[in-house]
Amino acid sequence: MKLEYKWVCPICSINLKTRNDLYAHQQEFKHYIRVPAKESICLICNKVFNSNNALKIHIKLEQHYKIKNKYKWECLFCHLVYSTRKELYKHRNEIHSGKIFDLGGNCQYCNREFKYTSAKNCHEKYCKLNPNRVNYKGHFNSEEIRQKISASAKKNGKSGGYRQGAGYKNIKRGFYKGIWCDSSWELAFLIYCLEHNITIKRNTDKFPYYIENKLHYYIPDFIIGNTYIEIKGRVDSKCKYKFEQFPNKQHLKIYYAKDMKCFLNYVYKKYGKNFINLYDDKIYIKKEKITRNHDYYCKYCNIKFDTRHLLFDHLKICESRTEYKKNKKQEYRILKNKENELNNIPKDITGRYNHSILSENIWFERKEKILSCGVDLMKFGWVGKVKQLTGLTQRELENTLIHFKEEFEGKYFRRN
């Protein structure tokens, strides 16, 4: 019978022993099949090539290598492709200079103009005139929800109107003799009026005014008789609309920084610059930052240091610390020696306790196990039988034979 080997010629179907024999046979008789190569196409000029190497040479010769990147910068109008963004921008500025690239558009609801469509789409989601506009938290505010909010606000008497501490933050504020002050300048004006027997009250009346057809309310600071008083340390863009649209301008008196100098000087002379401490309730006073100087002490010698770094440098040299560590080590050794004596742990030649050294009672127990197991030690294979019967490991067995070398010498089988 003919033997069938793994390596077979595809044309004449001869069985050969090795792969090298098959390669030699194919070269002699030219019995190999030519597999057609995959066609590689140039993406720019659509030419077809038999191999990738031919395509690479074509790209270098035709200078297609500039455009063969993943990122192609294409013009939207003439569809020309550029290798870099700068080249495309130059082309736009030279040829398509008058054209708009992103048309943008106007909002559907408020007709606001936008240069880019992305900005327009983002605005339309949050536009106030949009009935289904989205809040920044991601919730919808429909008309039903708005009606519920307004109904609950009308029932609650506290909603709307004057609120204490609703102005600028980080201002020194509080109560003085039962009257609220939103700033230190208001406190100085109130002190001057009370000490000169001028009747003054905190105002809660509000007056409407409009900015770009939007309704706002203005609440002056104090009332003296029929005149409303406003103390302005900071002038905003809204102040112009407030004062111009006030119904009775004769009954409104405004004190700016220049006008407040006389009141402040009066309070400074009498109470000093820290007149803010005159507030009845000091909860609303601006808290000053308290810088505490920590004192650092050495644990071992009780020496005081200003900084933590000086303390760390001292601990490296501290003599009382080294003595403390020595005493701790001695105490630890004494406790360990007592434990070792109770557990009957043997000593070395140097006189130290060593856990690795076994007592002689353990050695004799191992010896009795080996002798009493009833295995003939002179026969081959005695080691495995002794392990099974005694439960000792091979290392324990070898160490016992070395420990009792004189007694076991010549009494057990050993390979030369």
Protein backbone atom coordinates (compact mmCIF):
# COMPACT_ATOMS: atom_id res chain seq x y z
CA MET A 1 0.00 0.00 0.00
CA LYS A 2 1.10 3.50 -0.77
CA LEU A 3 1.57 5.77 2.21
CA GLU A 4 -0.47 8.97 2.09
CA TYR A 5 1.47 11.98 3.33
CA LYS A 6 0.26 15.40 4.35
CA TRP A 7 2.04 17.41 1.62
CA VAL A 8 0.32 16.90 -1.76
CA CYS A 9 1.00 18.66 -5.04
CA PRO A 10 -2.17 20.50 -6.20
CA ILE A 11 -1.60 19.71 -9.92
CA CYS A 12 -0.21 16.14 -10.16
CA SER A 13 -1.44 15.02 -6.67
CA ILE A 14 1.85 13.34 -5.64
CA ASN A 15 2.27 12.64 -1.88
CA LEU A 16 5.52 13.98 -0.41
CA LYS A 17 7.01 13.56 3.05
CA THR A 18 7.99 17.13 3.94
CA ARG A 19 7.16 20.67 2.95
CA ASN A 20 10.67 21.24 1.55
CA ASP A 21 10.23 18.25 -0.80
CA LEU A 22 7.01 19.77 -2.08
CA TYR A 23 8.66 23.19 -2.69
CA ALA A 24 11.51 21.47 -4.61
CA HIS A 25 9.01 19.49 -6.72
CA GLN A 26 7.00 22.65 -7.55
CA GLN A 27 10.12 24.54 -8.61
CA GLU A 28 11.36 21.72 -10.87
CA PHE A 29 8.11 21.06 -12.68
CA LYS A 30 6.52 24.51 -12.08
CA HIS A 31 3.44 22.94 -10.49
CA TYR A 32 2.22 25.98 -8.54
CA ILE A 33 -0.98 27.93 -8.96
CA ARG A 34 -0.85 31.72 -9.38
CA VAL A 35 -3.40 33.37 -7.11
CA PRO A 36 -4.67 36.69 -8.52
CA ALA A 37 -3.62 39.63 -6.32
CA LYS A 38 -6.16 42.00 -4.79
CA GLU A 39 -6.77 45.11 -6.82
CA SER A 40 -5.69 48.34 -5.12
CA ILE A 41 -7.41 51.49 -6.39
CA CYS A 42 -6.25 55.11 -6.09
CA LEU A 43 -9.02 57.06 -4.38
CA ILE A 44 -8.12 60.32 -6.13
CA CYS A 45 -7.69 59.42 -9.83
CA ASN A 46 -9.46 55.96 -9.69
CA LYS A 47 -6.58 54.06 -11.33
CA VAL A 48 -6.31 50.30 -10.66
CA PHE A 49 -3.04 48.59 -9.62
CA ASN A 50 -2.09 44.94 -8.98
CA SER A 51 -0.23 45.59 -5.72
CA ASN A 52 -0.03 48.10 -2.89
CA ASN A 53 3.62 48.90 -3.70
CA ALA A 54 2.65 50.01 -7.21
CA LEU A 55 -0.04 52.25 -5.73
CA LYS A 56 2.45 53.84 -3.31
CA ILE A 57 4.86 54.59 -6.18
CA HIS A 58 2.00 56.12 -8.19
CA ILE A 59 1.00 58.37 -5.25
CA LYS A 60 4.57 59.65 -4.87
CA LEU A 61 4.98 60.34 -8.60
CA GLU A 62 1.61 62.00 -9.02
CA GLN A 63 1.99 63.92 -5.71
CA HIS A 64 -1.22 62.48 -4.25
CA TYR A 65 0.44 61.96 -0.87
CA LYS A 66 -0.69 65.39 0.37
CA ILE A 67 -4.38 64.50 0.08
CA LYS A 68 -4.13 60.83 1.16
CA ASN A 69 -4.71 61.68 4.86
CA LYS A 70 -7.83 60.83 6.88
CA TYR A 71 -8.60 64.50 7.41
CA LYS A 72 -9.53 66.07 4.06
CA TRP A 73 -10.30 69.80 4.10
CA GLU A 74 -12.93 70.21 1.38
CA CYS A 75 -14.46 73.46 0.14
CA LEU A 76 -18.26 73.54 0.46
CA PHE A 77 -18.79 75.50 -2.81
CA CYS A 78 -16.32 74.10 -5.38
CA HIS A 79 -15.49 70.77 -3.60
CA LEU A 80 -11.73 71.22 -3.88
CA VAL A 81 -9.72 69.20 -1.33
CA TYR A 82 -6.78 70.61 0.65
CA SER A 83 -4.28 68.89 2.90
CA THR A 84 -4.34 71.53 5.66
CA ARG A 85 -6.89 73.90 7.12
CA LYS A 86 -4.74 76.97 6.38
CA GLU A 87 -4.72 76.23 2.66
CA LEU A 88 -8.51 75.90 2.67
CA TYR A 89 -8.91 79.25 4.51
CA LYS A 90 -6.64 80.95 1.96
CA HIS A 91 -8.78 79.50 -0.85
CA ARG A 92 -11.99 80.77 0.82
CA ASN A 93 -10.65 84.28 1.38
CA GLU A 94 -9.32 84.60 -2.20
CA ILE A 95 -12.18 83.07 -4.21
CA HIS A 96 -15.30 82.79 -2.01
CA SER A 97 -14.77 85.94 0.08
CA GLY A 98 -18.33 87.39 -0.29
CA LYS A 99 -20.20 84.18 0.60
CA ILE A 100 -21.48 83.17 4.04
CA PHE A 101 -20.42 79.67 5.08
CA ASP A 102 -22.83 79.06 7.96
CA LEU A 103 -26.13 80.77 7.20
CA GLY A 104 -27.41 80.62 10.81
CA GLY A 105 -30.91 82.14 10.91
CA ASN A 106 -33.52 83.71 13.18
CA CYS A 107 -35.27 82.23 16.21
CA GLN A 108 -38.80 80.94 15.59
CA TYR A 109 -40.18 82.60 18.72
CA CYS A 110 -38.32 85.91 19.29
CA ASN A 111 -36.77 86.55 15.79
CA ARG A 112 -33.30 86.98 17.23
CA GLU A 113 -30.50 86.72 14.64
CA PHE A 114 -27.70 84.14 14.90
CA LYS A 115 -24.58 83.65 12.82
CA TYR A 116 -24.43 79.89 13.36
CA THR A 117 -27.18 77.26 13.26
CA SER A 118 -25.80 75.49 16.35
CA ALA A 119 -26.25 78.68 18.44
CA LYS A 120 -29.76 79.15 17.05
CA ASN A 121 -30.81 75.56 17.92
CA CYS A 122 -29.42 75.90 21.45
CA HIS A 123 -31.26 79.20 21.99
CA GLU A 124 -34.62 77.85 20.79
CA LYS A 125 -34.61 75.17 23.50
CA TYR A 126 -34.30 77.76 26.28
CA CYS A 127 -36.15 80.68 24.66
CA LYS A 128 -38.58 82.34 27.09
CA LEU A 129 -41.30 82.70 24.42
CA ASN A 130 -41.15 78.96 23.69
CA PRO A 131 -44.25 77.34 25.34
CA ASN A 132 -42.39 74.02 25.84
CA ARG A 133 -39.01 75.51 26.75
CA VAL A 134 -36.51 73.46 28.73
CA ASN A 135 -35.11 74.58 32.07
CA TYR A 136 -31.40 74.29 32.68
CA LYS A 137 -32.10 71.32 34.98
CA GLY A 138 -33.73 69.51 32.08
CA HIS A 139 -37.43 69.86 33.12
CA PHE A 140 -40.28 71.23 30.99
CA ASN A 141 -42.27 74.24 32.21
CA SER A 142 -45.69 73.95 30.64
CA GLU A 143 -48.54 76.45 31.15
CA GLU A 144 -50.22 74.20 33.74
CA ILE A 145 -47.10 74.12 35.92
CA ARG A 146 -46.71 77.91 35.67
CA GLN A 147 -50.32 78.45 36.77
CA LYS A 148 -49.82 76.17 39.78
CA ILE A 149 -46.67 78.08 40.81
CA SER A 150 -48.40 81.46 40.50
CA ALA A 151 -51.49 80.23 42.47
CA SER A 152 -49.33 78.92 45.33
CA ALA A 153 -47.36 82.21 45.36
CA LYS A 154 -50.56 84.25 45.68
CA LYS A 155 -51.81 82.15 48.62
CA ASN A 156 -48.48 82.55 50.43
CA GLY A 157 -48.28 86.11 51.80
CA LYS A 158 -44.50 86.03 52.23
CA SER A 159 -43.78 85.67 48.51
CA GLY A 160 -42.85 88.90 46.69
CA GLY A 161 -42.19 92.37 48.11
CA TYR A 162 -39.37 93.39 50.44
CA ARG A 163 -37.00 90.74 51.81
CA GLN A 164 -34.30 91.27 54.39
CA GLY A 165 -30.79 90.65 53.09
CA ALA A 166 -31.86 90.31 49.43
CA GLY A 167 -29.28 92.82 48.14
CA TYR A 168 -25.56 92.40 47.51
CA LYS A 169 -23.72 89.67 49.37
CA ASN A 170 -20.68 90.11 51.65
CA ILE A 171 -22.08 93.39 53.09
CA LYS A 172 -22.22 94.14 56.82
CA ARG A 173 -25.90 94.05 57.77
CA GLY A 174 -28.16 93.54 60.76
CA PHE A 175 -30.77 95.07 63.16
CA TYR A 176 -30.24 98.33 65.07
CA LYS A 177 -32.94 99.13 67.65
CA GLY A 178 -35.45 96.97 65.76
CA ILE A 179 -34.80 98.52 62.32
CA TRP A 180 -33.09 96.53 59.59
CA CYS A 181 -30.00 97.87 57.80
CA ASP A 182 -28.63 96.33 54.59
CA SER A 183 -25.20 98.01 54.83
CA SER A 184 -22.89 99.97 57.13
CA TRP A 185 -23.79 103.26 55.38
CA GLU A 186 -27.48 102.67 56.13
CA LEU A 187 -26.51 102.03 59.78
CA ALA A 188 -24.59 105.35 59.94
CA PHE A 189 -27.55 107.25 58.47
CA LEU A 190 -29.98 105.55 60.89
CA ILE A 191 -27.79 106.36 63.95
CA TYR A 192 -27.58 110.04 62.89
CA CYS A 193 -31.39 110.30 62.47
CA LEU A 194 -32.26 108.58 65.77
CA GLU A 195 -29.80 110.68 67.78
CA HIS A 196 -31.15 113.88 66.21
CA ASN A 197 -34.78 112.89 66.97
CA ILE A 198 -35.76 112.34 63.31
CA THR A 199 -38.57 109.78 62.89
CA ILE A 200 -37.39 107.12 60.44
CA LYS A 201 -38.83 103.78 59.33
CA ARG A 202 -37.81 100.93 57.07
CA ASN A 203 -39.62 101.09 53.71
CA THR A 204 -41.63 98.16 52.31
CA ASP A 205 -43.50 99.96 49.49
CA LYS A 206 -42.59 98.97 45.95
CA PHE A 207 -42.80 100.99 42.72
CA PRO A 208 -42.91 99.48 39.19
CA TYR A 209 -40.48 100.32 36.38
CA TYR A 210 -39.75 98.82 32.95
CA ILE A 211 -36.53 97.78 31.20
CA GLU A 212 -36.97 96.62 27.58
CA ASN A 213 -40.70 96.04 28.16
CA LYS A 214 -40.00 93.86 31.21
CA LEU A 215 -41.62 94.68 34.55
CA HIS A 216 -39.44 95.21 37.63
CA TYR A 217 -40.05 96.63 41.10
CA TYR A 218 -38.04 99.25 43.02
CA ILE A 219 -38.06 99.48 46.85
CA PRO A 220 -36.32 102.50 48.49
CA ASP A 221 -34.47 102.08 51.81
CA PHE A 222 -36.18 104.37 54.40
CA ILE A 223 -39.15 106.71 54.89
CA ILE A 224 -38.92 110.08 56.72
CA GLY A 225 -42.38 111.63 56.72
CA ASN A 226 -43.57 111.62 53.10
CA THR A 227 -40.10 111.38 51.51
CA TYR A 228 -38.47 108.14 50.43
CA ILE A 229 -34.72 107.89 50.98
CA GLU A 230 -32.28 105.87 48.90
CA ILE A 231 -28.63 105.38 49.95
CA LYS A 232 -26.50 104.44 46.94
CA GLY A 233 -22.97 103.27 47.45
CA ARG A 234 -22.96 101.33 44.18
CA VAL A 235 -24.55 102.68 41.00
CA ASP A 236 -25.90 99.98 38.63
CA SER A 237 -27.24 100.14 35.11
CA LYS A 238 -30.78 99.71 36.55
CA CYS A 239 -30.54 102.86 38.72
CA LYS A 240 -31.18 105.11 35.72
CA TYR A 241 -34.54 103.41 34.99
CA LYS A 242 -35.54 103.31 38.68
CA PHE A 243 -35.11 107.03 39.33
CA GLU A 244 -36.50 108.26 35.98
CA GLN A 245 -39.70 106.18 36.23
CA PHE A 246 -40.38 106.99 39.90
CA PRO A 247 -43.96 108.42 40.13
CA ASN A 248 -43.23 111.38 42.47
CA LYS A 249 -39.65 112.50 42.01
CA GLN A 250 -40.07 115.32 44.55
CA HIS A 251 -40.70 112.74 47.31
CA LEU A 252 -37.48 110.76 46.50
CA LYS A 253 -34.12 111.83 47.96
CA ILE A 254 -30.91 110.02 46.96
CA TYR A 255 -27.69 110.09 49.01
CA TYR A 256 -24.55 109.24 47.00
CA ALA A 257 -20.99 108.77 48.32
CA LYS A 258 -20.33 112.54 48.49
CA ASP A 259 -23.53 113.16 50.47
CA MET A 260 -22.77 110.36 52.97
CA LYS A 261 -19.45 111.84 54.19
CA CYS A 262 -21.06 114.06 56.85
CA PHE A 263 -23.00 111.11 58.37
CA LEU A 264 -19.98 108.82 58.37
CA ASN A 265 -17.68 111.40 59.94
CA TYR A 266 -20.24 111.95 62.72
CA VAL A 267 -20.35 108.20 63.52
CA TYR A 268 -16.55 107.76 63.27
CA LYS A 269 -15.91 110.53 65.81
CA LYS A 270 -18.44 109.19 68.30
CA TYR A 271 -18.14 105.38 67.97
CA GLY A 272 -15.00 104.79 65.92
CA LYS A 273 -14.59 102.88 62.68
CA ASN A 274 -15.87 99.64 64.26
CA PHE A 275 -19.37 101.05 64.75
CA ILE A 276 -20.75 97.86 63.11
CA ASN A 277 -20.54 96.21 66.55
CA LEU A 278 -23.57 98.34 67.54
CA TYR A 279 -25.91 95.91 65.77
CA ASP A 280 -28.43 94.22 68.10
CA ASP A 281 -28.24 90.86 66.37
CA LYS A 282 -24.68 90.08 65.25
CA ILE A 283 -25.60 87.08 63.08
CA TYR A 284 -25.56 89.09 59.88
CA ILE A 285 -22.19 90.79 60.52
CA LYS A 286 -19.47 89.84 58.09
CA LYS A 287 -17.15 87.41 59.84
CA GLU A 288 -13.48 88.25 59.71
CA LYS A 289 -11.00 85.49 59.08
CA ILE A 290 -9.33 84.34 62.29
CA THR A 291 -5.71 83.30 61.87
CA ARG A 292 -4.59 81.11 64.75
CA ASN A 293 -0.94 80.63 65.50
CA HIS A 294 -0.60 76.97 66.54
CA ASP A 295 2.06 76.05 69.06
CA TYR A 296 3.92 72.78 68.50
CA TYR A 297 5.45 70.88 71.44
CA CYS A 298 7.94 68.03 71.52
CA LYS A 299 6.35 64.91 73.02
CA TYR A 300 9.57 63.81 74.75
CA CYS A 301 11.17 67.00 76.13
CA ASN A 302 8.18 69.50 76.03
CA ILE A 303 10.07 72.22 74.13
CA LYS A 304 7.87 74.76 72.29
CA PHE A 305 8.20 75.48 68.52
CA ASP A 306 6.46 78.01 66.26
CA THR A 307 6.26 75.84 63.13
CA ARG A 308 5.87 72.17 62.39
CA HIS A 309 9.07 72.01 60.31
CA LEU A 310 11.19 73.18 63.24
CA LEU A 311 9.66 70.43 65.39
CA PHE A 312 10.53 67.74 62.78
CA ASP A 313 14.14 68.98 62.64
CA HIS A 314 14.33 68.83 66.44
CA LEU A 315 13.00 65.25 66.60
CA LYS A 316 15.92 64.01 64.49
CA ILE A 317 18.40 65.23 67.14
CA CYS A 318 16.33 64.87 70.35
CA GLU A 319 18.25 62.80 72.94
CA SER A 320 15.23 62.09 75.12
CA ARG A 321 13.55 60.48 72.11
CA THR A 322 16.47 58.05 71.60
CA GLU A 323 16.41 57.09 75.30
CA TYR A 324 12.65 56.54 75.12
CA LYS A 325 13.07 54.19 72.15
CA LYS A 326 15.82 52.21 73.92
CA ASN A 327 13.65 51.71 76.99
CA LYS A 328 10.75 50.56 74.82
CA LYS A 329 12.97 47.97 73.10
CA GLN A 330 14.22 46.61 76.43
CA GLU A 331 10.67 46.29 77.76
CA TYR A 332 9.63 44.45 74.60
CA ARG A 333 12.55 41.98 74.87
CA ILE A 334 11.76 41.22 78.53
CA LEU A 335 8.14 40.44 77.68
CA LYS A 336 9.16 38.21 74.76
CA ASN A 337 11.66 36.25 76.89
CA LYS A 338 8.96 35.55 79.45
CA GLU A 339 6.64 34.24 76.73
CA ASN A 340 9.39 32.01 75.30
CA GLU A 341 10.14 30.52 78.75
CA LEU A 342 6.47 29.67 79.24
CA ASN A 343 6.26 28.04 75.78
CA ASN A 344 9.51 26.02 76.33
CA ILE A 345 11.28 27.41 73.26
CA PRO A 346 14.97 26.28 73.05
CA LYS A 347 18.03 28.55 72.94
CA ASP A 348 20.89 28.97 70.45
CA ILE A 349 24.60 28.71 71.16
CA THR A 350 24.55 32.46 71.80
CA GLY A 351 21.82 32.02 74.44
CA ARG A 352 18.96 33.59 72.47
CA TYR A 353 15.59 31.98 71.99
CA ASN A 354 15.12 30.53 68.51
CA HIS A 355 11.75 29.31 67.22
CA SER A 356 13.36 27.33 64.39
CA ILE A 357 15.18 25.04 66.89
CA LEU A 358 13.09 22.08 68.06
CA SER A 359 13.16 20.58 71.53
CA GLU A 360 14.44 17.00 71.98
CA ASN A 361 10.99 15.73 72.93
CA ILE A 362 9.81 16.44 69.38
CA TRP A 363 12.82 14.67 67.91
CA PHE A 364 12.15 11.55 70.03
CA GLU A 365 8.47 11.56 69.00
CA ARG A 366 9.46 11.55 65.33
CA LYS A 367 12.00 8.77 65.93
CA GLU A 368 9.40 6.56 67.65
CA LYS A 369 6.94 7.11 64.78
CA ILE A 370 9.51 5.90 62.24
CA LEU A 371 10.49 2.81 64.24
CA SER A 372 6.96 1.83 65.32
CA CYS A 373 5.36 2.05 61.83
CA GLY A 374 6.52 -1.53 61.01
CA VAL A 375 8.17 -0.75 57.65
CA ASP A 376 11.39 -2.49 56.64
CA LEU A 377 13.82 0.38 56.09
CA MET A 378 16.28 -1.78 54.15
CA LYS A 379 13.85 -2.36 51.25
CA PHE A 380 13.43 -0.06 48.26
CA GLY A 381 10.43 2.32 48.52
CA TRP A 382 10.38 2.58 52.31
CA VAL A 383 10.22 6.43 52.21
CA GLY A 384 6.73 6.63 50.66
CA LYS A 385 5.28 4.03 53.04
CA VAL A 386 6.69 5.81 56.12
CA LYS A 387 5.20 9.14 54.95
CA GLN A 388 1.75 7.62 54.59
CA LEU A 389 1.76 5.90 57.99
CA THR A 390 3.46 8.60 60.11
CA GLY A 391 2.22 11.79 58.37
CA LEU A 392 5.71 13.30 58.24
CA THR A 393 7.03 15.27 55.29
CA GLN A 394 10.18 14.32 53.43
CA ARG A 395 12.17 17.17 54.96
CA GLU A 396 11.07 16.23 58.51
CA LEU A 397 12.01 12.60 57.84
CA GLU A 398 15.47 13.51 56.47
CA ASN A 399 16.17 15.88 59.40
CA THR A 400 15.32 13.16 61.97
CA LEU A 401 17.71 10.71 60.27
CA ILE A 402 20.47 13.36 60.33
CA HIS A 403 19.73 14.24 63.98
CA PHE A 404 20.02 10.53 65.01
CA LYS A 405 22.83 9.78 62.58
CA GLU A 406 24.68 7.30 64.84
CA GLU A 407 21.59 5.20 65.58
CA PHE A 408 20.26 4.98 61.98
CA GLU A 409 23.64 4.55 60.23
CA GLY A 410 23.56 1.43 58.02
CA LYS A 411 19.96 0.54 59.04
CA TYR A 412 18.00 2.07 56.07
CA PHE A 413 18.21 1.68 52.31
CA ARG A 414 20.02 4.54 50.58
CA ARG A 415 20.92 5.01 46.93
CA ASN A 416 24.58 5.44 46.13
